[in-house]
Amino acid sequence: MSVKELMEVYLAHQWAFIPLIMLLFIGLTLFWFGGWLAALTALGNKRWLWGISSIFLGPLTGLPYALLHKEAEYPQSLMVKGLGLLLAALVLTIVVWFVVSG
C-alpha cells in the first residue's frame, strides 16, 4: 500500500482514526511520565543505577524497577495504565483498519 492510498483511507475515515491517535498519545504520555517518576523515586531512595538509567531510558528500565520495588507503586500504576492504553489503541487501530479498508 502506497502512502497516497494510506492517506486516502485516513482522510476518508477521520472519525475513527483521530480518537485512536489521541488514545495512543495519551497512553504514550502516561507510559513515559511513569518512567520518569520511577527515575525520581529510585533517585530519592538512593538506587542510583535504576534512577540514572530510568532518566535516559524512561519506562524501559522504569517498569522493571517499579515491578521489583514496592516504593514505586504510583509510577507502576501510571506505566501499566499507559501500556494498557497503548495496546488498546494498537488493537483498535488494526480492527478499524480492516473494517474500513476491506
N, C-alpha and C. Protein backbone atom coordinates (compact mmCIF):
# COMPACT_ATOMS: atom_id res chain seq x y z
N MET A 1 0.85 -1.17 0.00
CA MET A 1 0.00 0.00 0.00
C MET A 1 0.89 1.24 0.00
N SER A 2 0.60 2.14 -0.89
CA SER A 2 1.40 3.35 -1.00
C SER A 2 0.96 4.38 0.04
N VAL A 3 1.76 5.39 0.17
CA VAL A 3 1.46 6.46 1.11
C VAL A 3 0.19 7.19 0.69
N LYS A 4 0.00 7.34 -0.60
CA LYS A 4 -1.19 8.02 -1.11
C LYS A 4 -2.46 7.24 -0.73
N GLU A 5 -2.44 5.94 -0.91
CA GLU A 5 -3.61 5.11 -0.54
C GLU A 5 -3.84 5.15 0.97
N LEU A 6 -2.76 5.12 1.75
CA LEU A 6 -2.87 5.20 3.20
C LEU A 6 -3.53 6.50 3.63
N MET A 7 -3.11 7.61 3.04
CA MET A 7 -3.69 8.91 3.37
C MET A 7 -5.15 9.02 2.92
N GLU A 8 -5.49 8.40 1.80
CA GLU A 8 -6.89 8.42 1.35
C GLU A 8 -7.79 7.69 2.33
N VAL A 9 -7.34 6.54 2.83
CA VAL A 9 -8.14 5.80 3.82
C VAL A 9 -8.25 6.60 5.11
N TYR A 10 -7.13 7.19 5.54
CA TYR A 10 -7.14 8.00 6.75
C TYR A 10 -8.08 9.20 6.63
N LEU A 11 -7.99 9.92 5.52
CA LEU A 11 -8.82 11.11 5.34
C LEU A 11 -10.30 10.76 5.19
N ALA A 12 -10.60 9.61 4.61
CA ALA A 12 -11.99 9.21 4.45
C ALA A 12 -12.61 8.75 5.77
N HIS A 13 -11.78 8.34 6.73
CA HIS A 13 -12.30 7.80 7.99
C HIS A 13 -11.65 8.48 9.19
N GLN A 14 -11.60 9.78 9.15
CA GLN A 14 -11.00 10.52 10.26
C GLN A 14 -11.78 10.33 11.55
N TRP A 15 -13.07 10.14 11.46
CA TRP A 15 -13.91 9.95 12.64
C TRP A 15 -13.44 8.77 13.48
N ALA A 16 -12.78 7.80 12.87
CA ALA A 16 -12.30 6.63 13.60
C ALA A 16 -10.84 6.77 14.01
N PHE A 17 -10.04 7.33 13.14
CA PHE A 17 -8.60 7.34 13.39
C PHE A 17 -8.15 8.44 14.34
N ILE A 18 -8.80 9.59 14.35
CA ILE A 18 -8.38 10.67 15.24
C ILE A 18 -8.55 10.29 16.71
N PRO A 19 -9.67 9.71 17.14
CA PRO A 19 -9.74 9.27 18.54
C PRO A 19 -8.71 8.18 18.88
N LEU A 20 -8.41 7.32 17.93
CA LEU A 20 -7.41 6.28 18.18
C LEU A 20 -6.02 6.88 18.33
N ILE A 21 -5.71 7.90 17.54
CA ILE A 21 -4.42 8.57 17.66
C ILE A 21 -4.33 9.29 19.00
N MET A 22 -5.43 9.89 19.43
CA MET A 22 -5.45 10.55 20.74
C MET A 22 -5.24 9.53 21.86
N LEU A 23 -5.90 8.40 21.76
CA LEU A 23 -5.74 7.33 22.75
C LEU A 23 -4.29 6.84 22.78
N LEU A 24 -3.69 6.70 21.61
CA LEU A 24 -2.30 6.28 21.51
C LEU A 24 -1.37 7.26 22.21
N PHE A 25 -1.55 8.54 21.98
CA PHE A 25 -0.66 9.53 22.58
C PHE A 25 -0.91 9.71 24.08
N ILE A 26 -2.13 9.53 24.54
CA ILE A 26 -2.38 9.57 25.98
C ILE A 26 -1.68 8.39 26.65
N GLY A 27 -1.77 7.22 26.05
CA GLY A 27 -1.08 6.05 26.59
C GLY A 27 0.43 6.22 26.59
N LEU A 28 0.97 6.77 25.50
CA LEU A 28 2.41 7.01 25.41
C LEU A 28 2.87 8.01 26.47
N THR A 29 2.08 9.04 26.68
CA THR A 29 2.42 10.05 27.69
C THR A 29 2.42 9.44 29.09
N LEU A 30 1.40 8.68 29.43
CA LEU A 30 1.35 8.04 30.74
C LEU A 30 2.53 7.08 30.92
N PHE A 31 2.85 6.34 29.88
CA PHE A 31 3.93 5.37 29.94
C PHE A 31 5.28 6.06 30.21
N TRP A 32 5.58 7.13 29.47
CA TRP A 32 6.85 7.83 29.65
C TRP A 32 6.88 8.62 30.95
N PHE A 33 5.78 9.26 31.31
CA PHE A 33 5.75 10.03 32.55
C PHE A 33 5.93 9.10 33.74
N GLY A 34 5.34 7.91 33.69
CA GLY A 34 5.55 6.92 34.75
C GLY A 34 6.99 6.49 34.84
N GLY A 35 7.65 6.37 33.69
CA GLY A 35 9.07 6.02 33.69
C GLY A 35 9.93 7.09 34.34
N TRP A 36 9.61 8.34 34.08
CA TRP A 36 10.38 9.42 34.70
C TRP A 36 10.07 9.53 36.20
N LEU A 37 8.83 9.27 36.59
CA LEU A 37 8.52 9.25 38.01
C LEU A 37 9.23 8.10 38.72
N ALA A 38 9.38 6.98 38.03
CA ALA A 38 10.14 5.86 38.59
C ALA A 38 11.59 6.27 38.78
N ALA A 39 12.12 7.05 37.86
CA ALA A 39 13.50 7.54 38.00
C ALA A 39 13.63 8.43 39.23
N LEU A 40 12.69 9.33 39.43
CA LEU A 40 12.73 10.20 40.60
C LEU A 40 12.58 9.40 41.89
N THR A 41 11.71 8.40 41.87
CA THR A 41 11.53 7.56 43.04
C THR A 41 12.80 6.78 43.35
N ALA A 42 13.44 6.25 42.31
CA ALA A 42 14.68 5.49 42.50
C ALA A 42 15.78 6.40 43.05
N LEU A 43 15.90 7.59 42.48
CA LEU A 43 16.92 8.51 42.97
C LEU A 43 16.64 8.95 44.40
N GLY A 44 15.38 9.16 44.74
CA GLY A 44 15.02 9.53 46.10
C GLY A 44 15.30 8.44 47.12
N ASN A 45 15.29 7.20 46.67
CA ASN A 45 15.59 6.07 47.55
C ASN A 45 17.03 5.58 47.39
N LYS A 46 17.87 6.39 46.76
CA LYS A 46 19.30 6.14 46.59
C LYS A 46 19.59 4.84 45.84
N ARG A 47 18.76 4.57 44.86
CA ARG A 47 19.02 3.46 43.94
C ARG A 47 19.52 4.10 42.65
N TRP A 48 20.80 4.46 42.68
CA TRP A 48 21.39 5.31 41.65
C TRP A 48 21.36 4.67 40.27
N LEU A 49 21.69 3.41 40.17
CA LEU A 49 21.74 2.76 38.86
C LEU A 49 20.36 2.74 38.21
N TRP A 50 19.33 2.38 39.00
CA TRP A 50 17.96 2.39 38.46
C TRP A 50 17.55 3.80 38.07
N GLY A 51 17.85 4.75 38.92
CA GLY A 51 17.43 6.14 38.67
C GLY A 51 18.06 6.75 37.44
N ILE A 52 19.37 6.61 37.32
CA ILE A 52 20.06 7.21 36.18
C ILE A 52 19.66 6.52 34.88
N SER A 53 19.55 5.20 34.91
CA SER A 53 19.14 4.51 33.68
C SER A 53 17.70 4.86 33.31
N SER A 54 16.84 5.07 34.30
CA SER A 54 15.45 5.42 34.01
C SER A 54 15.31 6.85 33.48
N ILE A 55 16.24 7.71 33.85
CA ILE A 55 16.20 9.08 33.30
C ILE A 55 16.38 9.03 31.79
N PHE A 56 17.31 8.21 31.33
CA PHE A 56 17.61 8.17 29.90
C PHE A 56 16.74 7.19 29.11
N LEU A 57 16.35 6.10 29.74
CA LEU A 57 15.59 5.08 29.02
C LEU A 57 14.10 5.06 29.36
N GLY A 58 13.70 5.91 30.30
CA GLY A 58 12.28 6.03 30.65
C GLY A 58 11.68 4.72 31.13
N PRO A 59 10.57 4.31 30.53
CA PRO A 59 9.87 3.13 31.02
C PRO A 59 10.58 1.81 30.71
N LEU A 60 11.57 1.83 29.85
CA LEU A 60 12.28 0.58 29.56
C LEU A 60 12.98 0.04 30.80
N THR A 61 13.49 0.92 31.64
CA THR A 61 14.07 0.48 32.91
C THR A 61 13.18 0.87 34.09
N GLY A 62 12.31 1.84 33.89
CA GLY A 62 11.42 2.25 34.97
C GLY A 62 10.38 1.21 35.33
N LEU A 63 9.86 0.51 34.33
CA LEU A 63 8.84 -0.51 34.59
C LEU A 63 9.41 -1.69 35.38
N PRO A 64 10.57 -2.24 34.98
CA PRO A 64 11.13 -3.31 35.82
C PRO A 64 11.44 -2.85 37.25
N TYR A 65 11.94 -1.62 37.39
CA TYR A 65 12.20 -1.10 38.73
C TYR A 65 10.91 -1.02 39.54
N ALA A 66 9.86 -0.49 38.92
CA ALA A 66 8.58 -0.34 39.63
C ALA A 66 7.96 -1.69 39.97
N LEU A 67 8.17 -2.68 39.13
CA LEU A 67 7.63 -4.01 39.43
C LEU A 67 8.41 -4.70 40.54
N LEU A 68 9.69 -4.39 40.67
CA LEU A 68 10.53 -5.05 41.69
C LEU A 68 10.48 -4.38 43.05
N HIS A 69 10.24 -3.07 43.09
CA HIS A 69 10.33 -2.33 44.35
C HIS A 69 8.98 -1.73 44.71
N LYS A 70 8.58 -1.96 45.95
CA LYS A 70 7.26 -1.56 46.45
C LYS A 70 7.09 -0.03 46.51
N GLU A 71 8.17 0.71 46.71
CA GLU A 71 8.05 2.16 46.87
C GLU A 71 7.66 2.87 45.58
N ALA A 72 7.69 2.16 44.45
CA ALA A 72 7.36 2.78 43.17
C ALA A 72 5.97 2.34 42.69
N GLU A 73 5.03 2.30 43.62
CA GLU A 73 3.67 1.87 43.27
C GLU A 73 2.98 2.84 42.30
N TYR A 74 3.10 4.13 42.57
CA TYR A 74 2.43 5.11 41.72
C TYR A 74 3.01 5.15 40.30
N PRO A 75 4.35 5.20 40.14
CA PRO A 75 4.88 5.11 38.76
C PRO A 75 4.48 3.82 38.06
N GLN A 76 4.42 2.74 38.82
CA GLN A 76 4.00 1.46 38.24
C GLN A 76 2.57 1.55 37.71
N SER A 77 1.68 2.16 38.49
CA SER A 77 0.29 2.27 38.04
C SER A 77 0.18 3.13 36.78
N LEU A 78 0.96 4.20 36.71
CA LEU A 78 0.94 5.04 35.50
C LEU A 78 1.44 4.27 34.29
N MET A 79 2.55 3.55 34.46
CA MET A 79 3.12 2.82 33.32
C MET A 79 2.21 1.68 32.87
N VAL A 80 1.58 0.99 33.81
CA VAL A 80 0.69 -0.11 33.44
C VAL A 80 -0.54 0.43 32.72
N LYS A 81 -1.10 1.52 33.22
CA LYS A 81 -2.26 2.14 32.54
C LYS A 81 -1.87 2.65 31.16
N GLY A 82 -0.72 3.27 31.05
CA GLY A 82 -0.25 3.76 29.76
C GLY A 82 -0.01 2.63 28.78
N LEU A 83 0.59 1.54 29.26
CA LEU A 83 0.82 0.39 28.40
C LEU A 83 -0.50 -0.23 27.96
N GLY A 84 -1.47 -0.27 28.87
CA GLY A 84 -2.80 -0.78 28.51
C GLY A 84 -3.46 0.06 27.43
N LEU A 85 -3.35 1.38 27.57
CA LEU A 85 -3.93 2.27 26.55
C LEU A 85 -3.21 2.13 25.21
N LEU A 86 -1.88 1.98 25.26
CA LEU A 86 -1.12 1.78 24.02
C LEU A 86 -1.54 0.50 23.31
N LEU A 87 -1.67 -0.57 24.06
CA LEU A 87 -2.07 -1.84 23.46
C LEU A 87 -3.51 -1.79 22.95
N ALA A 88 -4.40 -1.13 23.71
CA ALA A 88 -5.79 -1.00 23.27
C ALA A 88 -5.86 -0.18 21.98
N ALA A 89 -5.09 0.90 21.91
CA ALA A 89 -5.08 1.72 20.69
C ALA A 89 -4.55 0.93 19.51
N LEU A 90 -3.54 0.13 19.74
CA LEU A 90 -2.98 -0.68 18.66
C LEU A 90 -3.99 -1.70 18.15
N VAL A 91 -4.63 -2.41 19.05
CA VAL A 91 -5.61 -3.43 18.65
C VAL A 91 -6.80 -2.78 17.96
N LEU A 92 -7.31 -1.69 18.52
CA LEU A 92 -8.45 -1.00 17.90
C LEU A 92 -8.10 -0.41 16.54
N THR A 93 -6.87 0.08 16.40
CA THR A 93 -6.45 0.60 15.09
C THR A 93 -6.41 -0.49 14.05
N ILE A 94 -5.91 -1.66 14.44
CA ILE A 94 -5.88 -2.78 13.49
C ILE A 94 -7.29 -3.21 13.12
N VAL A 95 -8.18 -3.29 14.09
CA VAL A 95 -9.57 -3.67 13.83
C VAL A 95 -10.24 -2.66 12.92
N VAL A 96 -10.11 -1.37 13.24
CA VAL A 96 -10.73 -0.32 12.42
C VAL A 96 -10.15 -0.33 11.02
N TRP A 97 -8.84 -0.53 10.91
CA TRP A 97 -8.20 -0.56 9.60
C TRP A 97 -8.81 -1.65 8.71
N PHE A 98 -8.96 -2.85 9.28
CA PHE A 98 -9.52 -3.94 8.49
C PHE A 98 -11.00 -3.72 8.16
N VAL A 99 -11.73 -3.05 9.04
CA VAL A 99 -13.14 -2.78 8.79
C VAL A 99 -13.30 -1.74 7.69
N VAL A 100 -12.55 -0.67 7.75
CA VAL A 100 -12.76 0.42 6.79
C VAL A 100 -12.05 0.18 5.45
N SER A 101 -11.00 -0.60 5.43
CA SER A 101 -10.30 -0.80 4.16
C SER A 101 -10.75 -2.06 3.44
N GLY A 102 -11.51 -2.89 4.11
CA GLY A 102 -11.92 -4.15 3.50
C GLY A 102 -13.24 -4.11 2.92
